Amino acid sequence: MQTEGRASLNDAAEVDDQLRRRRIVLFASVASVVLVADVLTKIAATAYLSDRDPVSLWGGLLTLRLVRNPGAAFGLAEGYTVVLSLVALGVAAVVIRLSRTLASTAWAVAFGLLLGGALGNLSDRVFREPGFLRGHVVDFLALPHWPVFNLADSSICAAAALIILMALRGRRWDGTIERASAEDKPTGGAE
């Protein structure tokens, strides 16, 4: 009987390991897809939109306009390119480190979106003019009354929204759930 108990504990640990591996694969896959899509769309944008007037699509709902952005997402923090590059490196390192303990599918997707977006813009800062860690990010998507952005920016924003949602629900990346403390519980009435 004791052997059976041990076998079921081993089986449960094996299942947990398999689920953790699947979440890590999901995280890496999402990050890879975002990075590849971002790089390919930036290559296409620079090839087809350089020295060209903006291209209006869907009645002006989306405009393709090539912009080389020395700042952060949506043109913020110009002049801080090296700092932004170092922040992106730090974000990537933290996300990769935390990904080893992923126990939530939603967090795996959020971390993948965040890592893919951070690496997409970081690759521009590393490999594009004017030089290492100072390169300008290629932005090319414009919505009405909105700054020009790229797929990496969109991915980072989607990750932020998903992370906020998960945090509001009390779900952590490691699978734990925050519980309301006794002080947070409503007072009065019968319990």
N, C-alpha and C. Protein backbone atom coordinates (compact mmCIF):
# COMPACT_ATOMS: atom_id res chain seq x y z
N MET A 1 0.82 -1.18 0.00
CA MET A 1 0.00 0.00 0.00
C MET A 1 0.86 1.25 0.00
N GLN A 2 1.93 1.22 0.75
CA GLN A 2 2.83 2.35 0.80
C GLN A 2 3.47 2.59 -0.57
N THR A 3 3.75 1.52 -1.28
CA THR A 3 4.32 1.64 -2.62
C THR A 3 3.36 2.36 -3.55
N GLU A 4 2.07 2.04 -3.42
CA GLU A 4 1.08 2.70 -4.25
C GLU A 4 1.06 4.20 -3.97
N GLY A 5 1.13 4.58 -2.69
CA GLY A 5 1.15 6.00 -2.32
C GLY A 5 2.35 6.72 -2.92
N ARG A 6 3.49 6.05 -2.85
CA ARG A 6 4.70 6.65 -3.43
C ARG A 6 4.58 6.77 -4.94
N ALA A 7 4.02 5.76 -5.55
CA ALA A 7 3.86 5.79 -7.01
C ALA A 7 2.97 6.95 -7.42
N SER A 8 1.89 7.18 -6.68
CA SER A 8 1.00 8.28 -7.05
C SER A 8 1.67 9.63 -6.81
N LEU A 9 2.49 9.74 -5.77
CA LEU A 9 3.24 10.98 -5.55
C LEU A 9 4.24 11.20 -6.67
N ASN A 10 4.92 10.13 -7.07
CA ASN A 10 5.85 10.24 -8.19
C ASN A 10 5.13 10.61 -9.48
N ASP A 11 3.95 9.99 -9.69
CA ASP A 11 3.17 10.32 -10.88
C ASP A 11 2.76 11.78 -10.88
N ALA A 12 2.33 12.28 -9.72
CA ALA A 12 1.91 13.68 -9.61
C ALA A 12 3.10 14.61 -9.89
N ALA A 13 4.27 14.27 -9.37
CA ALA A 13 5.46 15.09 -9.63
C ALA A 13 5.83 15.06 -11.11
N GLU A 14 5.67 13.88 -11.72
CA GLU A 14 5.95 13.76 -13.16
C GLU A 14 5.00 14.61 -13.99
N VAL A 15 3.73 14.60 -13.63
CA VAL A 15 2.72 15.41 -14.33
C VAL A 15 3.04 16.89 -14.16
N ASP A 16 3.41 17.30 -12.93
CA ASP A 16 3.79 18.69 -12.68
C ASP A 16 4.98 19.10 -13.54
N ASP A 17 5.98 18.23 -13.64
CA ASP A 17 7.15 18.51 -14.47
C ASP A 17 6.77 18.65 -15.94
N GLN A 18 5.89 17.77 -16.41
CA GLN A 18 5.46 17.85 -17.80
C GLN A 18 4.70 19.14 -18.07
N LEU A 19 3.83 19.53 -17.16
CA LEU A 19 3.08 20.78 -17.32
C LEU A 19 4.02 21.99 -17.30
N ARG A 20 5.00 21.96 -16.40
CA ARG A 20 5.97 23.06 -16.32
C ARG A 20 6.75 23.15 -17.63
N ARG A 21 7.18 22.01 -18.16
CA ARG A 21 7.91 22.00 -19.43
C ARG A 21 7.04 22.54 -20.55
N ARG A 22 5.77 22.16 -20.57
CA ARG A 22 4.86 22.66 -21.61
C ARG A 22 4.71 24.17 -21.52
N ARG A 23 4.63 24.70 -20.31
CA ARG A 23 4.51 26.15 -20.15
C ARG A 23 5.78 26.86 -20.59
N ILE A 24 6.91 26.26 -20.32
CA ILE A 24 8.18 26.85 -20.76
C ILE A 24 8.26 26.82 -22.28
N VAL A 25 7.82 25.73 -22.89
CA VAL A 25 7.80 25.64 -24.36
C VAL A 25 6.83 26.68 -24.92
N LEU A 26 5.67 26.84 -24.29
CA LEU A 26 4.71 27.86 -24.72
C LEU A 26 5.32 29.25 -24.63
N PHE A 27 5.94 29.54 -23.50
CA PHE A 27 6.62 30.83 -23.28
C PHE A 27 7.65 31.08 -24.38
N ALA A 28 8.52 30.10 -24.63
CA ALA A 28 9.57 30.26 -25.64
C ALA A 28 8.98 30.38 -27.04
N SER A 29 7.92 29.64 -27.31
CA SER A 29 7.28 29.70 -28.63
C SER A 29 6.64 31.06 -28.88
N VAL A 30 5.92 31.57 -27.89
CA VAL A 30 5.29 32.90 -28.04
C VAL A 30 6.37 33.96 -28.24
N ALA A 31 7.42 33.91 -27.43
CA ALA A 31 8.51 34.89 -27.56
C ALA A 31 9.15 34.80 -28.94
N SER A 32 9.39 33.60 -29.42
CA SER A 32 10.01 33.41 -30.74
C SER A 32 9.13 33.91 -31.87
N VAL A 33 7.84 33.60 -31.81
CA VAL A 33 6.91 34.05 -32.85
C VAL A 33 6.86 35.58 -32.88
N VAL A 34 6.75 36.20 -31.71
CA VAL A 34 6.71 37.66 -31.65
C VAL A 34 8.00 38.25 -32.20
N LEU A 35 9.14 37.72 -31.79
CA LEU A 35 10.42 38.25 -32.26
C LEU A 35 10.57 38.11 -33.77
N VAL A 36 10.28 36.94 -34.30
CA VAL A 36 10.41 36.72 -35.75
C VAL A 36 9.43 37.61 -36.52
N ALA A 37 8.19 37.68 -36.07
CA ALA A 37 7.19 38.52 -36.75
C ALA A 37 7.61 39.99 -36.70
N ASP A 38 8.12 40.43 -35.57
CA ASP A 38 8.56 41.82 -35.43
C ASP A 38 9.72 42.12 -36.38
N VAL A 39 10.72 41.27 -36.39
CA VAL A 39 11.90 41.49 -37.24
C VAL A 39 11.50 41.47 -38.72
N LEU A 40 10.67 40.49 -39.11
CA LEU A 40 10.27 40.40 -40.52
C LEU A 40 9.43 41.60 -40.96
N THR A 41 8.52 42.05 -40.10
CA THR A 41 7.70 43.21 -40.49
C THR A 41 8.53 44.48 -40.54
N LYS A 42 9.54 44.58 -39.70
CA LYS A 42 10.42 45.76 -39.76
C LYS A 42 11.28 45.73 -41.02
N ILE A 43 11.73 44.55 -41.42
CA ILE A 43 12.49 44.43 -42.67
C ILE A 43 11.60 44.84 -43.84
N ALA A 44 10.37 44.35 -43.86
CA ALA A 44 9.44 44.70 -44.93
C ALA A 44 9.12 46.19 -44.91
N ALA A 45 8.91 46.75 -43.73
CA ALA A 45 8.60 48.18 -43.63
C ALA A 45 9.73 49.04 -44.15
N THR A 46 10.96 48.71 -43.79
CA THR A 46 12.08 49.52 -44.28
C THR A 46 12.27 49.34 -45.78
N ALA A 47 11.98 48.15 -46.30
CA ALA A 47 12.14 47.90 -47.73
C ALA A 47 11.07 48.61 -48.56
N TYR A 48 9.83 48.59 -48.08
CA TYR A 48 8.73 49.09 -48.90
C TYR A 48 8.24 50.49 -48.55
N LEU A 49 8.59 50.99 -47.37
CA LEU A 49 8.07 52.30 -46.96
C LEU A 49 9.12 53.41 -46.98
N SER A 50 10.40 53.06 -47.18
CA SER A 50 11.44 54.09 -47.25
C SER A 50 11.19 54.98 -48.46
N ASP A 51 11.38 56.28 -48.27
CA ASP A 51 11.23 57.25 -49.36
C ASP A 51 9.86 57.13 -50.04
N ARG A 52 8.83 56.93 -49.26
CA ARG A 52 7.48 56.79 -49.81
C ARG A 52 6.49 57.49 -48.89
N ASP A 53 5.45 58.02 -49.48
CA ASP A 53 4.38 58.62 -48.68
C ASP A 53 3.69 57.54 -47.86
N PRO A 54 3.09 57.93 -46.73
CA PRO A 54 2.36 56.95 -45.92
C PRO A 54 1.27 56.25 -46.73
N VAL A 55 1.05 54.98 -46.41
CA VAL A 55 0.04 54.17 -47.09
C VAL A 55 -1.17 54.03 -46.17
N SER A 56 -2.32 54.50 -46.63
CA SER A 56 -3.55 54.44 -45.85
C SER A 56 -4.29 53.15 -46.18
N LEU A 57 -4.70 52.42 -45.13
CA LEU A 57 -5.43 51.17 -45.29
C LEU A 57 -6.77 51.25 -44.56
N TRP A 58 -7.75 50.52 -45.06
CA TRP A 58 -9.06 50.39 -44.44
C TRP A 58 -9.68 51.76 -44.13
N GLY A 59 -9.65 52.61 -45.13
CA GLY A 59 -10.28 53.93 -44.98
C GLY A 59 -9.60 54.81 -43.96
N GLY A 60 -8.32 54.63 -43.76
CA GLY A 60 -7.56 55.46 -42.83
C GLY A 60 -7.51 54.91 -41.41
N LEU A 61 -8.13 53.75 -41.18
CA LEU A 61 -8.08 53.16 -39.84
C LEU A 61 -6.64 52.80 -39.45
N LEU A 62 -5.87 52.35 -40.42
CA LEU A 62 -4.46 52.02 -40.21
C LEU A 62 -3.64 52.68 -41.30
N THR A 63 -2.56 53.31 -40.91
CA THR A 63 -1.65 53.94 -41.86
C THR A 63 -0.26 53.34 -41.65
N LEU A 64 0.38 53.00 -42.77
CA LEU A 64 1.76 52.51 -42.72
C LEU A 64 2.67 53.70 -42.98
N ARG A 65 3.45 54.07 -41.98
CA ARG A 65 4.32 55.24 -42.05
C ARG A 65 5.63 54.89 -41.36
N LEU A 66 6.73 54.94 -42.10
CA LEU A 66 8.03 54.57 -41.55
C LEU A 66 8.59 55.68 -40.68
N VAL A 67 8.93 55.33 -39.45
CA VAL A 67 9.53 56.27 -38.49
C VAL A 67 10.67 55.54 -37.80
N ARG A 68 11.79 56.22 -37.65
CA ARG A 68 12.92 55.65 -36.90
C ARG A 68 12.94 56.34 -35.54
N ASN A 69 12.62 55.57 -34.52
CA ASN A 69 12.35 56.09 -33.19
C ASN A 69 13.56 55.90 -32.26
N PRO A 70 14.17 57.00 -31.78
CA PRO A 70 15.28 56.87 -30.85
C PRO A 70 14.83 56.70 -29.40
N GLY A 71 13.52 56.78 -29.15
CA GLY A 71 13.01 56.71 -27.79
C GLY A 71 12.35 55.38 -27.48
N ALA A 72 11.46 55.43 -26.50
CA ALA A 72 10.72 54.23 -26.08
C ALA A 72 9.46 54.09 -26.93
N ALA A 73 8.59 53.20 -26.52
CA ALA A 73 7.35 52.97 -27.25
C ALA A 73 6.60 54.28 -27.44
N PHE A 74 6.02 54.42 -28.60
CA PHE A 74 5.20 55.57 -28.95
C PHE A 74 5.99 56.88 -28.93
N GLY A 75 7.29 56.81 -29.13
CA GLY A 75 8.12 58.01 -29.24
C GLY A 75 8.48 58.67 -27.93
N LEU A 76 8.25 58.01 -26.81
CA LEU A 76 8.57 58.60 -25.50
C LEU A 76 10.05 58.41 -25.17
N ALA A 77 10.57 59.26 -24.31
CA ALA A 77 11.93 59.16 -23.75
C ALA A 77 13.03 59.22 -24.81
N GLU A 78 12.89 60.12 -25.77
CA GLU A 78 13.96 60.29 -26.76
C GLU A 78 15.22 60.77 -26.03
N GLY A 79 16.36 60.34 -26.48
CA GLY A 79 17.61 60.73 -25.86
C GLY A 79 18.08 59.76 -24.78
N TYR A 80 17.28 58.75 -24.48
CA TYR A 80 17.63 57.77 -23.46
C TYR A 80 17.80 56.39 -24.06
N THR A 81 18.29 56.34 -25.29
CA THR A 81 18.37 55.08 -26.02
C THR A 81 19.23 54.04 -25.31
N VAL A 82 20.39 54.45 -24.80
CA VAL A 82 21.27 53.49 -24.11
C VAL A 82 20.59 52.98 -22.84
N VAL A 83 19.96 53.87 -22.09
CA VAL A 83 19.26 53.47 -20.87
C VAL A 83 18.13 52.50 -21.21
N LEU A 84 17.37 52.82 -22.27
CA LEU A 84 16.27 51.94 -22.69
C LEU A 84 16.80 50.57 -23.12
N SER A 85 17.95 50.55 -23.75
CA SER A 85 18.57 49.29 -24.16
C SER A 85 18.94 48.45 -22.94
N LEU A 86 19.51 49.09 -21.94
CA LEU A 86 19.89 48.38 -20.72
C LEU A 86 18.66 47.90 -19.95
N VAL A 87 17.60 48.71 -19.95
CA VAL A 87 16.34 48.28 -19.32
C VAL A 87 15.79 47.05 -20.04
N ALA A 88 15.81 47.07 -21.37
CA ALA A 88 15.32 45.91 -22.14
C ALA A 88 16.14 44.67 -21.83
N LEU A 89 17.45 44.82 -21.70
CA LEU A 89 18.29 43.67 -21.32
C LEU A 89 17.92 43.16 -19.93
N GLY A 90 17.69 44.07 -19.00
CA GLY A 90 17.29 43.68 -17.65
C GLY A 90 15.94 42.97 -17.63
N VAL A 91 14.98 43.51 -18.38
CA VAL A 91 13.66 42.88 -18.47
C VAL A 91 13.79 41.47 -19.03
N ALA A 92 14.56 41.32 -20.09
CA ALA A 92 14.75 40.00 -20.70
C ALA A 92 15.36 39.03 -19.69
N ALA A 93 16.36 39.48 -18.96
CA ALA A 93 17.02 38.60 -17.98
C ALA A 93 16.05 38.18 -16.87
N VAL A 94 15.27 39.11 -16.36
CA VAL A 94 14.32 38.80 -15.28
C VAL A 94 13.24 37.85 -15.79
N VAL A 95 12.70 38.12 -16.97
CA VAL A 95 11.64 37.27 -17.52
C VAL A 95 12.16 35.85 -17.77
N ILE A 96 13.35 35.74 -18.31
CA ILE A 96 13.92 34.40 -18.55
C ILE A 96 14.14 33.67 -17.23
N ARG A 97 14.62 34.37 -16.23
CA ARG A 97 14.85 33.75 -14.92
C ARG A 97 13.52 33.29 -14.30
N LEU A 98 12.51 34.15 -14.34
CA LEU A 98 11.21 33.80 -13.76
C LEU A 98 10.51 32.69 -14.54
N SER A 99 10.79 32.60 -15.82
CA SER A 99 10.11 31.62 -16.66
C SER A 99 10.39 30.18 -16.22
N ARG A 100 11.49 29.99 -15.52
CA ARG A 100 11.83 28.63 -15.07
C ARG A 100 10.86 28.12 -14.02
N THR A 101 10.12 29.03 -13.38
CA THR A 101 9.18 28.62 -12.33
C THR A 101 7.73 28.81 -12.77
N LEU A 102 7.49 28.97 -14.07
CA LEU A 102 6.13 29.19 -14.56
C LEU A 102 5.21 28.02 -14.22
N ALA A 103 4.07 28.35 -13.64
CA ALA A 103 3.07 27.33 -13.35
C ALA A 103 1.69 27.83 -13.77
N SER A 104 1.68 28.78 -14.70
CA SER A 104 0.43 29.35 -15.19
C SER A 104 0.54 29.55 -16.70
N THR A 105 -0.45 29.05 -17.43
CA THR A 105 -0.45 29.20 -18.88
C THR A 105 -0.57 30.67 -19.28
N ALA A 106 -1.45 31.42 -18.61
CA ALA A 106 -1.62 32.84 -18.93
C ALA A 106 -0.33 33.62 -18.70
N TRP A 107 0.37 33.32 -17.62
CA TRP A 107 1.65 33.99 -17.36
C TRP A 107 2.69 33.58 -18.40
N ALA A 108 2.65 32.34 -18.85
CA ALA A 108 3.59 31.90 -19.89
C ALA A 108 3.38 32.72 -21.17
N VAL A 109 2.12 32.93 -21.53
CA VAL A 109 1.82 33.75 -22.71
C VAL A 109 2.26 35.20 -22.47
N ALA A 110 1.94 35.75 -21.30
CA ALA A 110 2.31 37.14 -20.99
C ALA A 110 3.83 37.31 -21.02
N PHE A 111 4.55 36.40 -20.38
CA PHE A 111 6.02 36.49 -20.39
C PHE A 111 6.58 36.33 -21.79
N GLY A 112 5.99 35.46 -22.60
CA GLY A 112 6.43 35.29 -23.98
C GLY A 112 6.22 36.56 -24.79
N LEU A 113 5.04 37.18 -24.64
CA LEU A 113 4.77 38.44 -25.34
C LEU A 113 5.76 39.53 -24.90
N LEU A 114 6.00 39.61 -23.60
CA LEU A 114 6.92 40.61 -23.07
C LEU A 114 8.35 40.39 -23.56
N LEU A 115 8.82 39.15 -23.48
CA LEU A 115 10.19 38.86 -23.92
C LEU A 115 10.34 39.09 -25.42
N GLY A 116 9.40 38.59 -26.22
CA GLY A 116 9.48 38.78 -27.67
C GLY A 116 9.50 40.24 -28.05
N GLY A 117 8.64 41.04 -27.42
CA GLY A 117 8.60 42.47 -27.70
C GLY A 117 9.87 43.19 -27.27
N ALA A 118 10.34 42.87 -26.07
CA ALA A 118 11.57 43.50 -25.58
C ALA A 118 12.76 43.17 -26.48
N LEU A 119 12.87 41.89 -26.88
CA LEU A 119 13.98 41.49 -27.75
C LEU A 119 13.84 42.08 -29.15
N GLY A 120 12.60 42.24 -29.64
CA GLY A 120 12.39 42.84 -30.95
C GLY A 120 12.91 44.27 -31.01
N ASN A 121 12.53 45.07 -30.02
CA ASN A 121 13.02 46.46 -30.00
C ASN A 121 14.50 46.53 -29.63
N LEU A 122 14.95 45.63 -28.77
CA LEU A 122 16.37 45.60 -28.41
C LEU A 122 17.23 45.28 -29.63
N SER A 123 16.74 44.38 -30.49
CA SER A 123 17.53 44.05 -31.69
C SER A 123 17.72 45.28 -32.57
N ASP A 124 16.72 46.15 -32.65
CA ASP A 124 16.89 47.40 -33.39
C ASP A 124 17.95 48.28 -32.72
N ARG A 125 17.90 48.38 -31.41
CA ARG A 125 18.86 49.24 -30.69
C ARG A 125 20.29 48.71 -30.80
N VAL A 126 20.43 47.42 -30.97
CA VAL A 126 21.77 46.82 -31.09
C VAL A 126 22.28 46.90 -32.53
N PHE A 127 21.43 46.59 -33.51
CA PHE A 127 21.91 46.41 -34.88
C PHE A 127 21.63 47.56 -35.85
N ARG A 128 20.82 48.52 -35.49
CA ARG A 128 20.50 49.60 -36.42
C ARG A 128 21.31 50.86 -36.12
N GLU A 129 21.30 51.75 -37.10
CA GLU A 129 22.00 53.03 -36.96
C GLU A 129 21.33 53.85 -35.86
N PRO A 130 22.07 54.65 -35.10
CA PRO A 130 23.44 55.09 -35.33
C PRO A 130 24.52 54.22 -34.69
N GLY A 131 24.15 53.14 -33.96
CA GLY A 131 25.20 52.27 -33.44
C GLY A 131 24.72 51.42 -32.28
N PHE A 132 25.64 50.60 -31.79
CA PHE A 132 25.38 49.63 -30.73
C PHE A 132 24.72 50.29 -29.51
N LEU A 133 23.57 49.73 -29.08
CA LEU A 133 22.75 50.19 -27.96
C LEU A 133 22.16 51.59 -28.18
N ARG A 134 22.41 52.19 -29.33
CA ARG A 134 21.85 53.52 -29.63
C ARG A 134 21.00 53.51 -30.90
N GLY A 135 20.82 52.33 -31.46
CA GLY A 135 20.06 52.22 -32.71
C GLY A 135 18.62 52.68 -32.56
N HIS A 136 18.08 53.20 -33.64
CA HIS A 136 16.70 53.68 -33.64
C HIS A 136 15.76 52.53 -33.99
N VAL A 137 14.67 52.44 -33.25
CA VAL A 137 13.67 51.39 -33.45
C VAL A 137 12.81 51.75 -34.65
N VAL A 138 12.52 50.76 -35.49
CA VAL A 138 11.66 50.96 -36.65
C VAL A 138 10.20 50.85 -36.21
N ASP A 139 9.46 51.94 -36.38
CA ASP A 139 8.02 51.97 -36.14
C ASP A 139 7.35 52.22 -37.48
N PHE A 140 6.17 51.64 -37.68
CA PHE A 140 5.54 51.80 -38.99
C PHE A 140 4.02 51.67 -38.98
N LEU A 141 3.42 51.42 -37.84
CA LEU A 141 1.97 51.28 -37.75
C LEU A 141 1.39 52.51 -37.07
N ALA A 142 0.37 53.12 -37.69
CA ALA A 142 -0.23 54.31 -37.09
C ALA A 142 -1.75 54.20 -37.14
N LEU A 143 -2.36 54.41 -35.99
CA LEU A 143 -3.81 54.49 -35.88
C LEU A 143 -4.17 55.97 -35.76
N PRO A 144 -5.40 56.33 -36.09
CA PRO A 144 -5.79 57.74 -35.96
C PRO A 144 -5.56 58.25 -34.53
N HIS A 145 -4.95 59.40 -34.41
CA HIS A 145 -4.72 60.06 -33.11
C HIS A 145 -3.90 59.20 -32.16
N TRP A 146 -2.96 58.45 -32.70
CA TRP A 146 -2.12 57.57 -31.88
C TRP A 146 -0.71 57.61 -32.44
N PRO A 147 0.32 57.57 -31.61
CA PRO A 147 1.70 57.57 -32.12
C PRO A 147 2.00 56.33 -32.96
N VAL A 148 3.00 56.43 -33.79
CA VAL A 148 3.44 55.31 -34.64
C VAL A 148 4.10 54.26 -33.75
N PHE A 149 3.84 52.98 -34.04
CA PHE A 149 4.35 51.89 -33.21
C PHE A 149 4.69 50.70 -34.10
N ASN A 150 5.09 49.58 -33.48
CA ASN A 150 5.43 48.36 -34.23
C ASN A 150 4.84 47.15 -33.51
N LEU A 151 5.09 45.96 -34.04
CA LEU A 151 4.55 44.74 -33.42
C LEU A 151 5.14 44.49 -32.03
N ALA A 152 6.40 44.83 -31.84
CA ALA A 152 7.01 44.64 -30.52
C ALA A 152 6.31 45.50 -29.48
N ASP A 153 6.02 46.76 -29.83
CA ASP A 153 5.30 47.64 -28.90
C ASP A 153 3.92 47.05 -28.57
N SER A 154 3.22 46.57 -29.59
CA SER A 154 1.90 45.96 -29.39
C SER A 154 2.00 44.75 -28.47
N SER A 155 3.01 43.94 -28.67
CA SER A 155 3.22 42.76 -27.86
C SER A 155 3.48 43.12 -26.40
N ILE A 156 4.30 44.12 -26.19
CA ILE A 156 4.60 44.58 -24.82
C ILE A 156 3.34 45.10 -24.14
N CYS A 157 2.52 45.86 -24.87
CA CYS A 157 1.27 46.37 -24.31
C CYS A 157 0.29 45.24 -24.00
N ALA A 158 0.20 44.26 -24.88
CA ALA A 158 -0.67 43.11 -24.63
C ALA A 158 -0.18 42.33 -23.40
N ALA A 159 1.13 42.19 -23.27
CA ALA A 159 1.69 41.52 -22.10
C ALA A 159 1.36 42.29 -20.83
N ALA A 160 1.50 43.61 -20.87
CA ALA A 160 1.19 44.43 -19.70
C ALA A 160 -0.27 44.27 -19.30
N ALA A 161 -1.18 44.28 -20.28
CA ALA A 161 -2.61 44.11 -19.98
C ALA A 161 -2.87 42.75 -19.35
N LEU A 162 -2.26 41.71 -19.89
CA LEU A 162 -2.45 40.36 -19.35
C LEU A 162 -1.85 40.24 -17.95
N ILE A 163 -0.70 40.84 -17.73
CA ILE A 163 -0.06 40.81 -16.40
C ILE A 163 -0.92 41.55 -15.38
N ILE A 164 -1.46 42.70 -15.76
CA ILE A 164 -2.34 43.45 -14.85
C ILE A 164 -3.58 42.62 -14.52
N LEU A 165 -4.17 42.01 -15.53
CA LEU A 165 -5.35 41.18 -15.31
C LEU A 165 -5.04 40.03 -14.34
N MET A 166 -3.91 39.37 -14.56
CA MET A 166 -3.54 38.25 -13.69
C MET A 166 -3.26 38.75 -12.27
N ALA A 167 -2.61 39.90 -12.15
CA ALA A 167 -2.32 40.44 -10.82
C ALA A 167 -3.61 40.83 -10.10
N LEU A 168 -4.56 41.42 -10.84
CA LEU A 168 -5.84 41.78 -10.22
C LEU A 168 -6.61 40.54 -9.76
N ARG A 169 -6.43 39.45 -10.46
CA ARG A 169 -7.09 38.20 -10.08
C ARG A 169 -6.32 37.47 -8.98
N GLY A 170 -5.14 38.01 -8.62
CA GLY A 170 -4.35 37.41 -7.55
C GLY A 170 -3.55 36.20 -7.98
N ARG A 171 -3.37 36.01 -9.27
CA ARG A 171 -2.64 34.84 -9.78
C ARG A 171 -1.19 35.22 -10.08
N ARG A 172 -0.28 34.48 -9.49
CA ARG A 172 1.15 34.73 -9.70
C ARG A 172 1.71 33.76 -10.74
N TRP A 173 2.85 34.13 -11.34
CA TRP A 173 3.47 33.31 -12.38
C TRP A 173 3.85 31.92 -11.90
N ASP A 174 4.10 31.79 -10.60
CA ASP A 174 4.54 30.49 -10.07
C ASP A 174 3.36 29.59 -9.70
N GLY A 175 2.15 30.03 -10.03
CA GLY A 175 0.97 29.21 -9.78
C GLY A 175 0.28 29.50 -8.46
N THR A 176 0.90 30.29 -7.59
CA THR A 176 0.28 30.61 -6.32
C THR A 176 -0.80 31.67 -6.53
N ILE A 177 -1.73 31.68 -5.59
CA ILE A 177 -2.83 32.64 -5.65
C ILE A 177 -2.79 33.46 -4.37
N GLU A 178 -2.82 34.77 -4.52
CA GLU A 178 -2.84 35.65 -3.36
C GLU A 178 -4.21 35.55 -2.72
N ARG A 179 -4.22 35.37 -1.45
CA ARG A 179 -5.48 35.31 -0.69
C ARG A 179 -5.65 36.62 0.06
N ALA A 180 -6.89 37.05 0.18
CA ALA A 180 -7.17 38.26 0.96
C ALA A 180 -6.88 37.96 2.42
N SER A 181 -6.23 38.88 3.09
CA SER A 181 -5.93 38.69 4.51
C SER A 181 -7.19 38.95 5.32
N ALA A 182 -7.17 38.59 6.59
CA ALA A 182 -8.32 38.79 7.47
C ALA A 182 -8.68 40.27 7.55
N GLU A 183 -7.68 41.15 7.44
CA GLU A 183 -7.92 42.59 7.50
C GLU A 183 -8.67 43.08 6.27
N ASP A 184 -8.53 42.37 5.13
CA ASP A 184 -9.16 42.78 3.89
C ASP A 184 -10.61 42.31 3.79
N LYS A 185 -11.02 41.37 4.66
CA LYS A 185 -12.37 40.83 4.58
C LYS A 185 -13.37 41.87 5.09
N PRO A 186 -14.56 41.90 4.48
CA PRO A 186 -15.58 42.84 4.94
C PRO A 186 -15.98 42.53 6.39
N THR A 187 -16.31 43.57 7.14
CA THR A 187 -16.69 43.40 8.54
C THR A 187 -18.21 43.41 8.64
N GLY A 188 -18.69 42.96 9.78
CA GLY A 188 -20.14 42.97 10.06
C GLY A 188 -20.81 41.72 9.53
N GLY A 189 -22.02 41.47 10.01
CA GLY A 189 -22.79 40.33 9.53
C GLY A 189 -22.29 39.03 10.12
N ALA A 190 -23.08 38.02 9.95
CA ALA A 190 -22.72 36.68 10.43
C ALA A 190 -21.73 36.04 9.48
N GLU A 191 -20.81 35.27 10.04
CA GLU A 191 -19.82 34.59 9.20
C GLU A 191 -20.15 33.16 9.05
